[in-house]
Structure formats: C-alpha cells, structure tokens
C-alpha cells in the first residue's frame, strides 16, 4: 500500500505540472501485470479506476510488452 501511495502522489504531482506546461499531453502510470492484479482487481483499486483520474499502462515484465491501456 505504501508503494501505491507514493506512486499516486508522484502521478498527481506530475499530472498537475504537465497540465500547466503541456496540457495536450496525457500522463500514464506504467505498472506490471502482477501489480495490476494485486491492487486494481481488489475493491480499493476498483475505486481508483472508477474515478477515472488515473491512466494506466499495464505491461508484462517477462515479455516486455504492453498488455493493457486504461485511459
């Protein structure tokens, strides 16, 4: 949970700065497939996805490939 809090804090900070400096760009948080399963398929992660504040890129760390985009 602490890693999630830190990542979300950084995401919000970067998002706010990017909105001011380059509002046409879209910010994504890249996470491993395992992390997505552990966090975002649980009720608390579902809340984060429902709010649509967070854009995610989910990747397979073994294949080094993107498996899911969540705008």
N, C-alpha and C. Protein backbone atom coordinates (compact mmCIF):
# COMPACT_ATOMS: atom_id res chain seq x y z
N UNK A 1 0.82 -1.19 0.00
CA UNK A 1 0.00 0.00 0.00
C UNK A 1 0.87 1.26 0.00
N UNK A 2 1.99 1.22 0.69
CA UNK A 2 2.87 2.39 0.74
C UNK A 2 3.42 2.72 -0.65
N UNK A 3 3.76 1.69 -1.43
CA UNK A 3 4.24 1.92 -2.80
C UNK A 3 3.16 2.55 -3.67
N UNK A 4 1.92 2.12 -3.48
CA UNK A 4 0.81 2.69 -4.23
C UNK A 4 0.62 4.15 -3.85
N UNK A 5 0.68 4.45 -2.57
CA UNK A 5 0.54 5.84 -2.12
C UNK A 5 1.63 6.72 -2.71
N UNK A 6 2.85 6.22 -2.72
CA UNK A 6 3.96 7.00 -3.27
C UNK A 6 3.78 7.20 -4.78
N UNK A 7 3.43 6.15 -5.48
CA UNK A 7 3.25 6.25 -6.93
C UNK A 7 2.10 7.20 -7.28
N UNK A 8 1.01 7.13 -6.54
CA UNK A 8 -0.11 8.03 -6.80
C UNK A 8 0.24 9.48 -6.49
N UNK A 9 1.00 9.69 -5.43
CA UNK A 9 1.45 11.04 -5.10
C UNK A 9 2.31 11.62 -6.21
N UNK A 10 3.23 10.85 -6.72
CA UNK A 10 4.08 11.29 -7.82
C UNK A 10 3.25 11.55 -9.08
N UNK A 11 2.31 10.66 -9.34
CA UNK A 11 1.45 10.80 -10.51
C UNK A 11 0.69 12.11 -10.45
N UNK A 12 0.09 12.40 -9.32
CA UNK A 12 -0.68 13.64 -9.16
C UNK A 12 0.21 14.86 -9.32
N UNK A 13 1.39 14.82 -8.73
CA UNK A 13 2.34 15.92 -8.86
C UNK A 13 2.71 16.15 -10.33
N UNK A 14 3.10 15.09 -11.03
CA UNK A 14 3.47 15.21 -12.44
C UNK A 14 2.28 15.63 -13.29
N UNK A 15 1.11 15.11 -12.97
CA UNK A 15 -0.10 15.45 -13.72
C UNK A 15 -0.38 16.95 -13.63
N UNK A 16 -0.34 17.48 -12.44
CA UNK A 16 -0.63 18.90 -12.25
C UNK A 16 0.40 19.78 -12.97
N UNK A 17 1.65 19.42 -12.90
CA UNK A 17 2.70 20.19 -13.59
C UNK A 17 2.54 20.08 -15.10
N UNK A 18 2.30 18.87 -15.59
CA UNK A 18 2.14 18.66 -17.01
C UNK A 18 0.93 19.41 -17.56
N UNK A 19 -0.15 19.46 -16.80
CA UNK A 19 -1.34 20.19 -17.22
C UNK A 19 -1.03 21.67 -17.41
N UNK A 20 -0.17 22.21 -16.61
CA UNK A 20 0.20 23.63 -16.71
C UNK A 20 1.15 23.87 -17.88
N UNK A 21 2.15 22.99 -18.03
CA UNK A 21 3.20 23.23 -19.02
C UNK A 21 2.88 22.69 -20.41
N UNK A 22 2.26 21.51 -20.47
CA UNK A 22 1.96 20.88 -21.76
C UNK A 22 0.60 20.19 -21.67
N UNK A 23 -0.48 20.97 -21.64
CA UNK A 23 -1.81 20.40 -21.40
C UNK A 23 -2.30 19.42 -22.47
N UNK A 24 -1.69 19.42 -23.65
CA UNK A 24 -2.10 18.50 -24.70
C UNK A 24 -1.56 17.08 -24.48
N UNK A 25 -0.60 16.93 -23.57
CA UNK A 25 -0.03 15.60 -23.31
C UNK A 25 -0.87 14.85 -22.28
N UNK A 26 -0.85 13.51 -22.39
CA UNK A 26 -1.59 12.66 -21.47
C UNK A 26 -0.59 11.83 -20.66
N UNK A 27 -0.76 11.82 -19.36
CA UNK A 27 0.15 11.11 -18.47
C UNK A 27 -0.41 9.72 -18.14
N UNK A 28 0.47 8.73 -18.18
CA UNK A 28 0.12 7.36 -17.82
C UNK A 28 1.05 6.85 -16.73
N UNK A 29 0.52 6.00 -15.88
CA UNK A 29 1.31 5.30 -14.87
C UNK A 29 1.50 3.88 -15.38
N UNK A 30 2.74 3.46 -15.57
CA UNK A 30 3.03 2.11 -16.05
C UNK A 30 3.20 1.17 -14.85
N UNK A 31 2.48 0.06 -14.89
CA UNK A 31 2.57 -0.92 -13.80
C UNK A 31 2.64 -2.33 -14.39
N UNK A 32 3.28 -3.22 -13.61
CA UNK A 32 3.37 -4.62 -14.04
C UNK A 32 2.00 -5.28 -13.94
N UNK A 33 1.81 -6.29 -14.74
CA UNK A 33 0.55 -7.04 -14.77
C UNK A 33 0.22 -7.61 -13.38
N UNK A 34 1.25 -8.08 -12.68
CA UNK A 34 1.05 -8.65 -11.34
C UNK A 34 0.55 -7.58 -10.38
N UNK A 35 1.10 -6.38 -10.49
CA UNK A 35 0.68 -5.27 -9.63
C UNK A 35 -0.76 -4.91 -9.92
N UNK A 36 -1.11 -4.88 -11.20
CA UNK A 36 -2.49 -4.58 -11.57
C UNK A 36 -3.44 -5.59 -10.92
N UNK A 37 -3.10 -6.86 -11.00
CA UNK A 37 -3.94 -7.90 -10.41
C UNK A 37 -4.04 -7.75 -8.90
N UNK A 38 -2.91 -7.48 -8.26
CA UNK A 38 -2.88 -7.37 -6.81
C UNK A 38 -3.67 -6.17 -6.28
N UNK A 39 -3.64 -5.07 -7.00
CA UNK A 39 -4.24 -3.83 -6.49
C UNK A 39 -5.55 -3.48 -7.18
N UNK A 40 -5.55 -3.45 -8.49
CA UNK A 40 -6.68 -2.89 -9.21
C UNK A 40 -7.82 -3.87 -9.45
N UNK A 41 -7.62 -5.13 -9.14
CA UNK A 41 -8.72 -6.08 -9.20
C UNK A 41 -9.34 -6.30 -7.82
N UNK A 42 -8.87 -5.55 -6.85
CA UNK A 42 -9.43 -5.55 -5.50
C UNK A 42 -10.37 -4.34 -5.36
N UNK A 43 -11.24 -4.34 -4.35
CA UNK A 43 -12.20 -3.23 -4.20
C UNK A 43 -11.55 -1.84 -4.16
N UNK A 44 -10.45 -1.68 -3.43
CA UNK A 44 -9.83 -0.36 -3.35
C UNK A 44 -9.29 0.10 -4.70
N UNK A 45 -8.74 -0.81 -5.47
CA UNK A 45 -8.26 -0.48 -6.80
C UNK A 45 -9.40 -0.16 -7.75
N UNK A 46 -10.50 -0.86 -7.56
CA UNK A 46 -11.69 -0.58 -8.38
C UNK A 46 -12.18 0.84 -8.19
N UNK A 47 -12.09 1.34 -6.97
CA UNK A 47 -12.49 2.73 -6.70
C UNK A 47 -11.59 3.69 -7.48
N UNK A 48 -10.30 3.42 -7.47
CA UNK A 48 -9.37 4.28 -8.20
C UNK A 48 -9.67 4.29 -9.70
N UNK A 49 -10.02 3.14 -10.25
CA UNK A 49 -10.34 3.06 -11.68
C UNK A 49 -11.67 3.73 -12.00
N UNK A 50 -12.65 3.60 -11.11
CA UNK A 50 -13.96 4.20 -11.32
C UNK A 50 -13.88 5.72 -11.39
N UNK A 51 -12.98 6.31 -10.61
CA UNK A 51 -12.85 7.77 -10.58
C UNK A 51 -12.28 8.34 -11.87
N UNK A 52 -11.67 7.49 -12.69
CA UNK A 52 -11.10 7.89 -13.99
C UNK A 52 -10.08 9.02 -13.89
N UNK A 53 -9.39 9.12 -12.77
CA UNK A 53 -8.32 10.11 -12.62
C UNK A 53 -6.98 9.55 -13.04
N UNK A 54 -6.91 8.24 -13.12
CA UNK A 54 -5.66 7.55 -13.32
C UNK A 54 -5.64 6.86 -14.68
N UNK A 55 -4.61 7.15 -15.47
CA UNK A 55 -4.41 6.47 -16.74
C UNK A 55 -3.30 5.43 -16.55
N UNK A 56 -3.57 4.21 -16.93
CA UNK A 56 -2.61 3.13 -16.70
C UNK A 56 -2.13 2.47 -17.98
N UNK A 57 -0.89 2.06 -17.96
CA UNK A 57 -0.33 1.14 -18.95
C UNK A 57 0.09 -0.09 -18.15
N UNK A 58 -0.50 -1.22 -18.48
CA UNK A 58 -0.19 -2.47 -17.78
C UNK A 58 0.72 -3.28 -18.71
N UNK A 59 1.85 -3.72 -18.16
CA UNK A 59 2.81 -4.43 -19.01
C UNK A 59 3.22 -5.77 -18.41
N UNK A 60 3.60 -6.67 -19.30
CA UNK A 60 4.13 -7.98 -18.93
C UNK A 60 5.65 -7.81 -18.81
N UNK A 61 6.17 -7.94 -17.60
CA UNK A 61 7.59 -7.68 -17.37
C UNK A 61 8.50 -8.76 -17.96
N UNK A 62 7.98 -9.95 -18.18
CA UNK A 62 8.78 -11.02 -18.77
C UNK A 62 8.89 -10.83 -20.28
N UNK A 63 7.75 -10.61 -20.92
CA UNK A 63 7.72 -10.43 -22.37
C UNK A 63 8.10 -9.01 -22.79
N UNK A 64 8.16 -8.11 -21.81
CA UNK A 64 8.44 -6.69 -22.07
C UNK A 64 7.46 -6.14 -23.10
N UNK A 65 6.17 -6.38 -22.84
CA UNK A 65 5.13 -5.94 -23.77
C UNK A 65 3.96 -5.33 -23.00
N UNK A 66 3.34 -4.35 -23.61
CA UNK A 66 2.14 -3.75 -23.03
C UNK A 66 0.98 -4.71 -23.26
N UNK A 67 0.22 -4.97 -22.20
CA UNK A 67 -0.91 -5.89 -22.32
C UNK A 67 -2.26 -5.17 -22.19
N UNK A 68 -2.20 -3.92 -21.68
CA UNK A 68 -3.46 -3.22 -21.46
C UNK A 68 -3.23 -1.72 -21.32
N UNK A 69 -4.08 -0.93 -21.96
CA UNK A 69 -4.11 0.52 -21.80
C UNK A 69 -5.41 0.86 -21.11
N UNK A 70 -5.35 1.67 -20.06
CA UNK A 70 -6.56 2.08 -19.37
C UNK A 70 -6.55 3.61 -19.27
N UNK A 71 -7.21 4.26 -20.25
CA UNK A 71 -7.25 5.73 -20.22
C UNK A 71 -8.28 6.26 -19.23
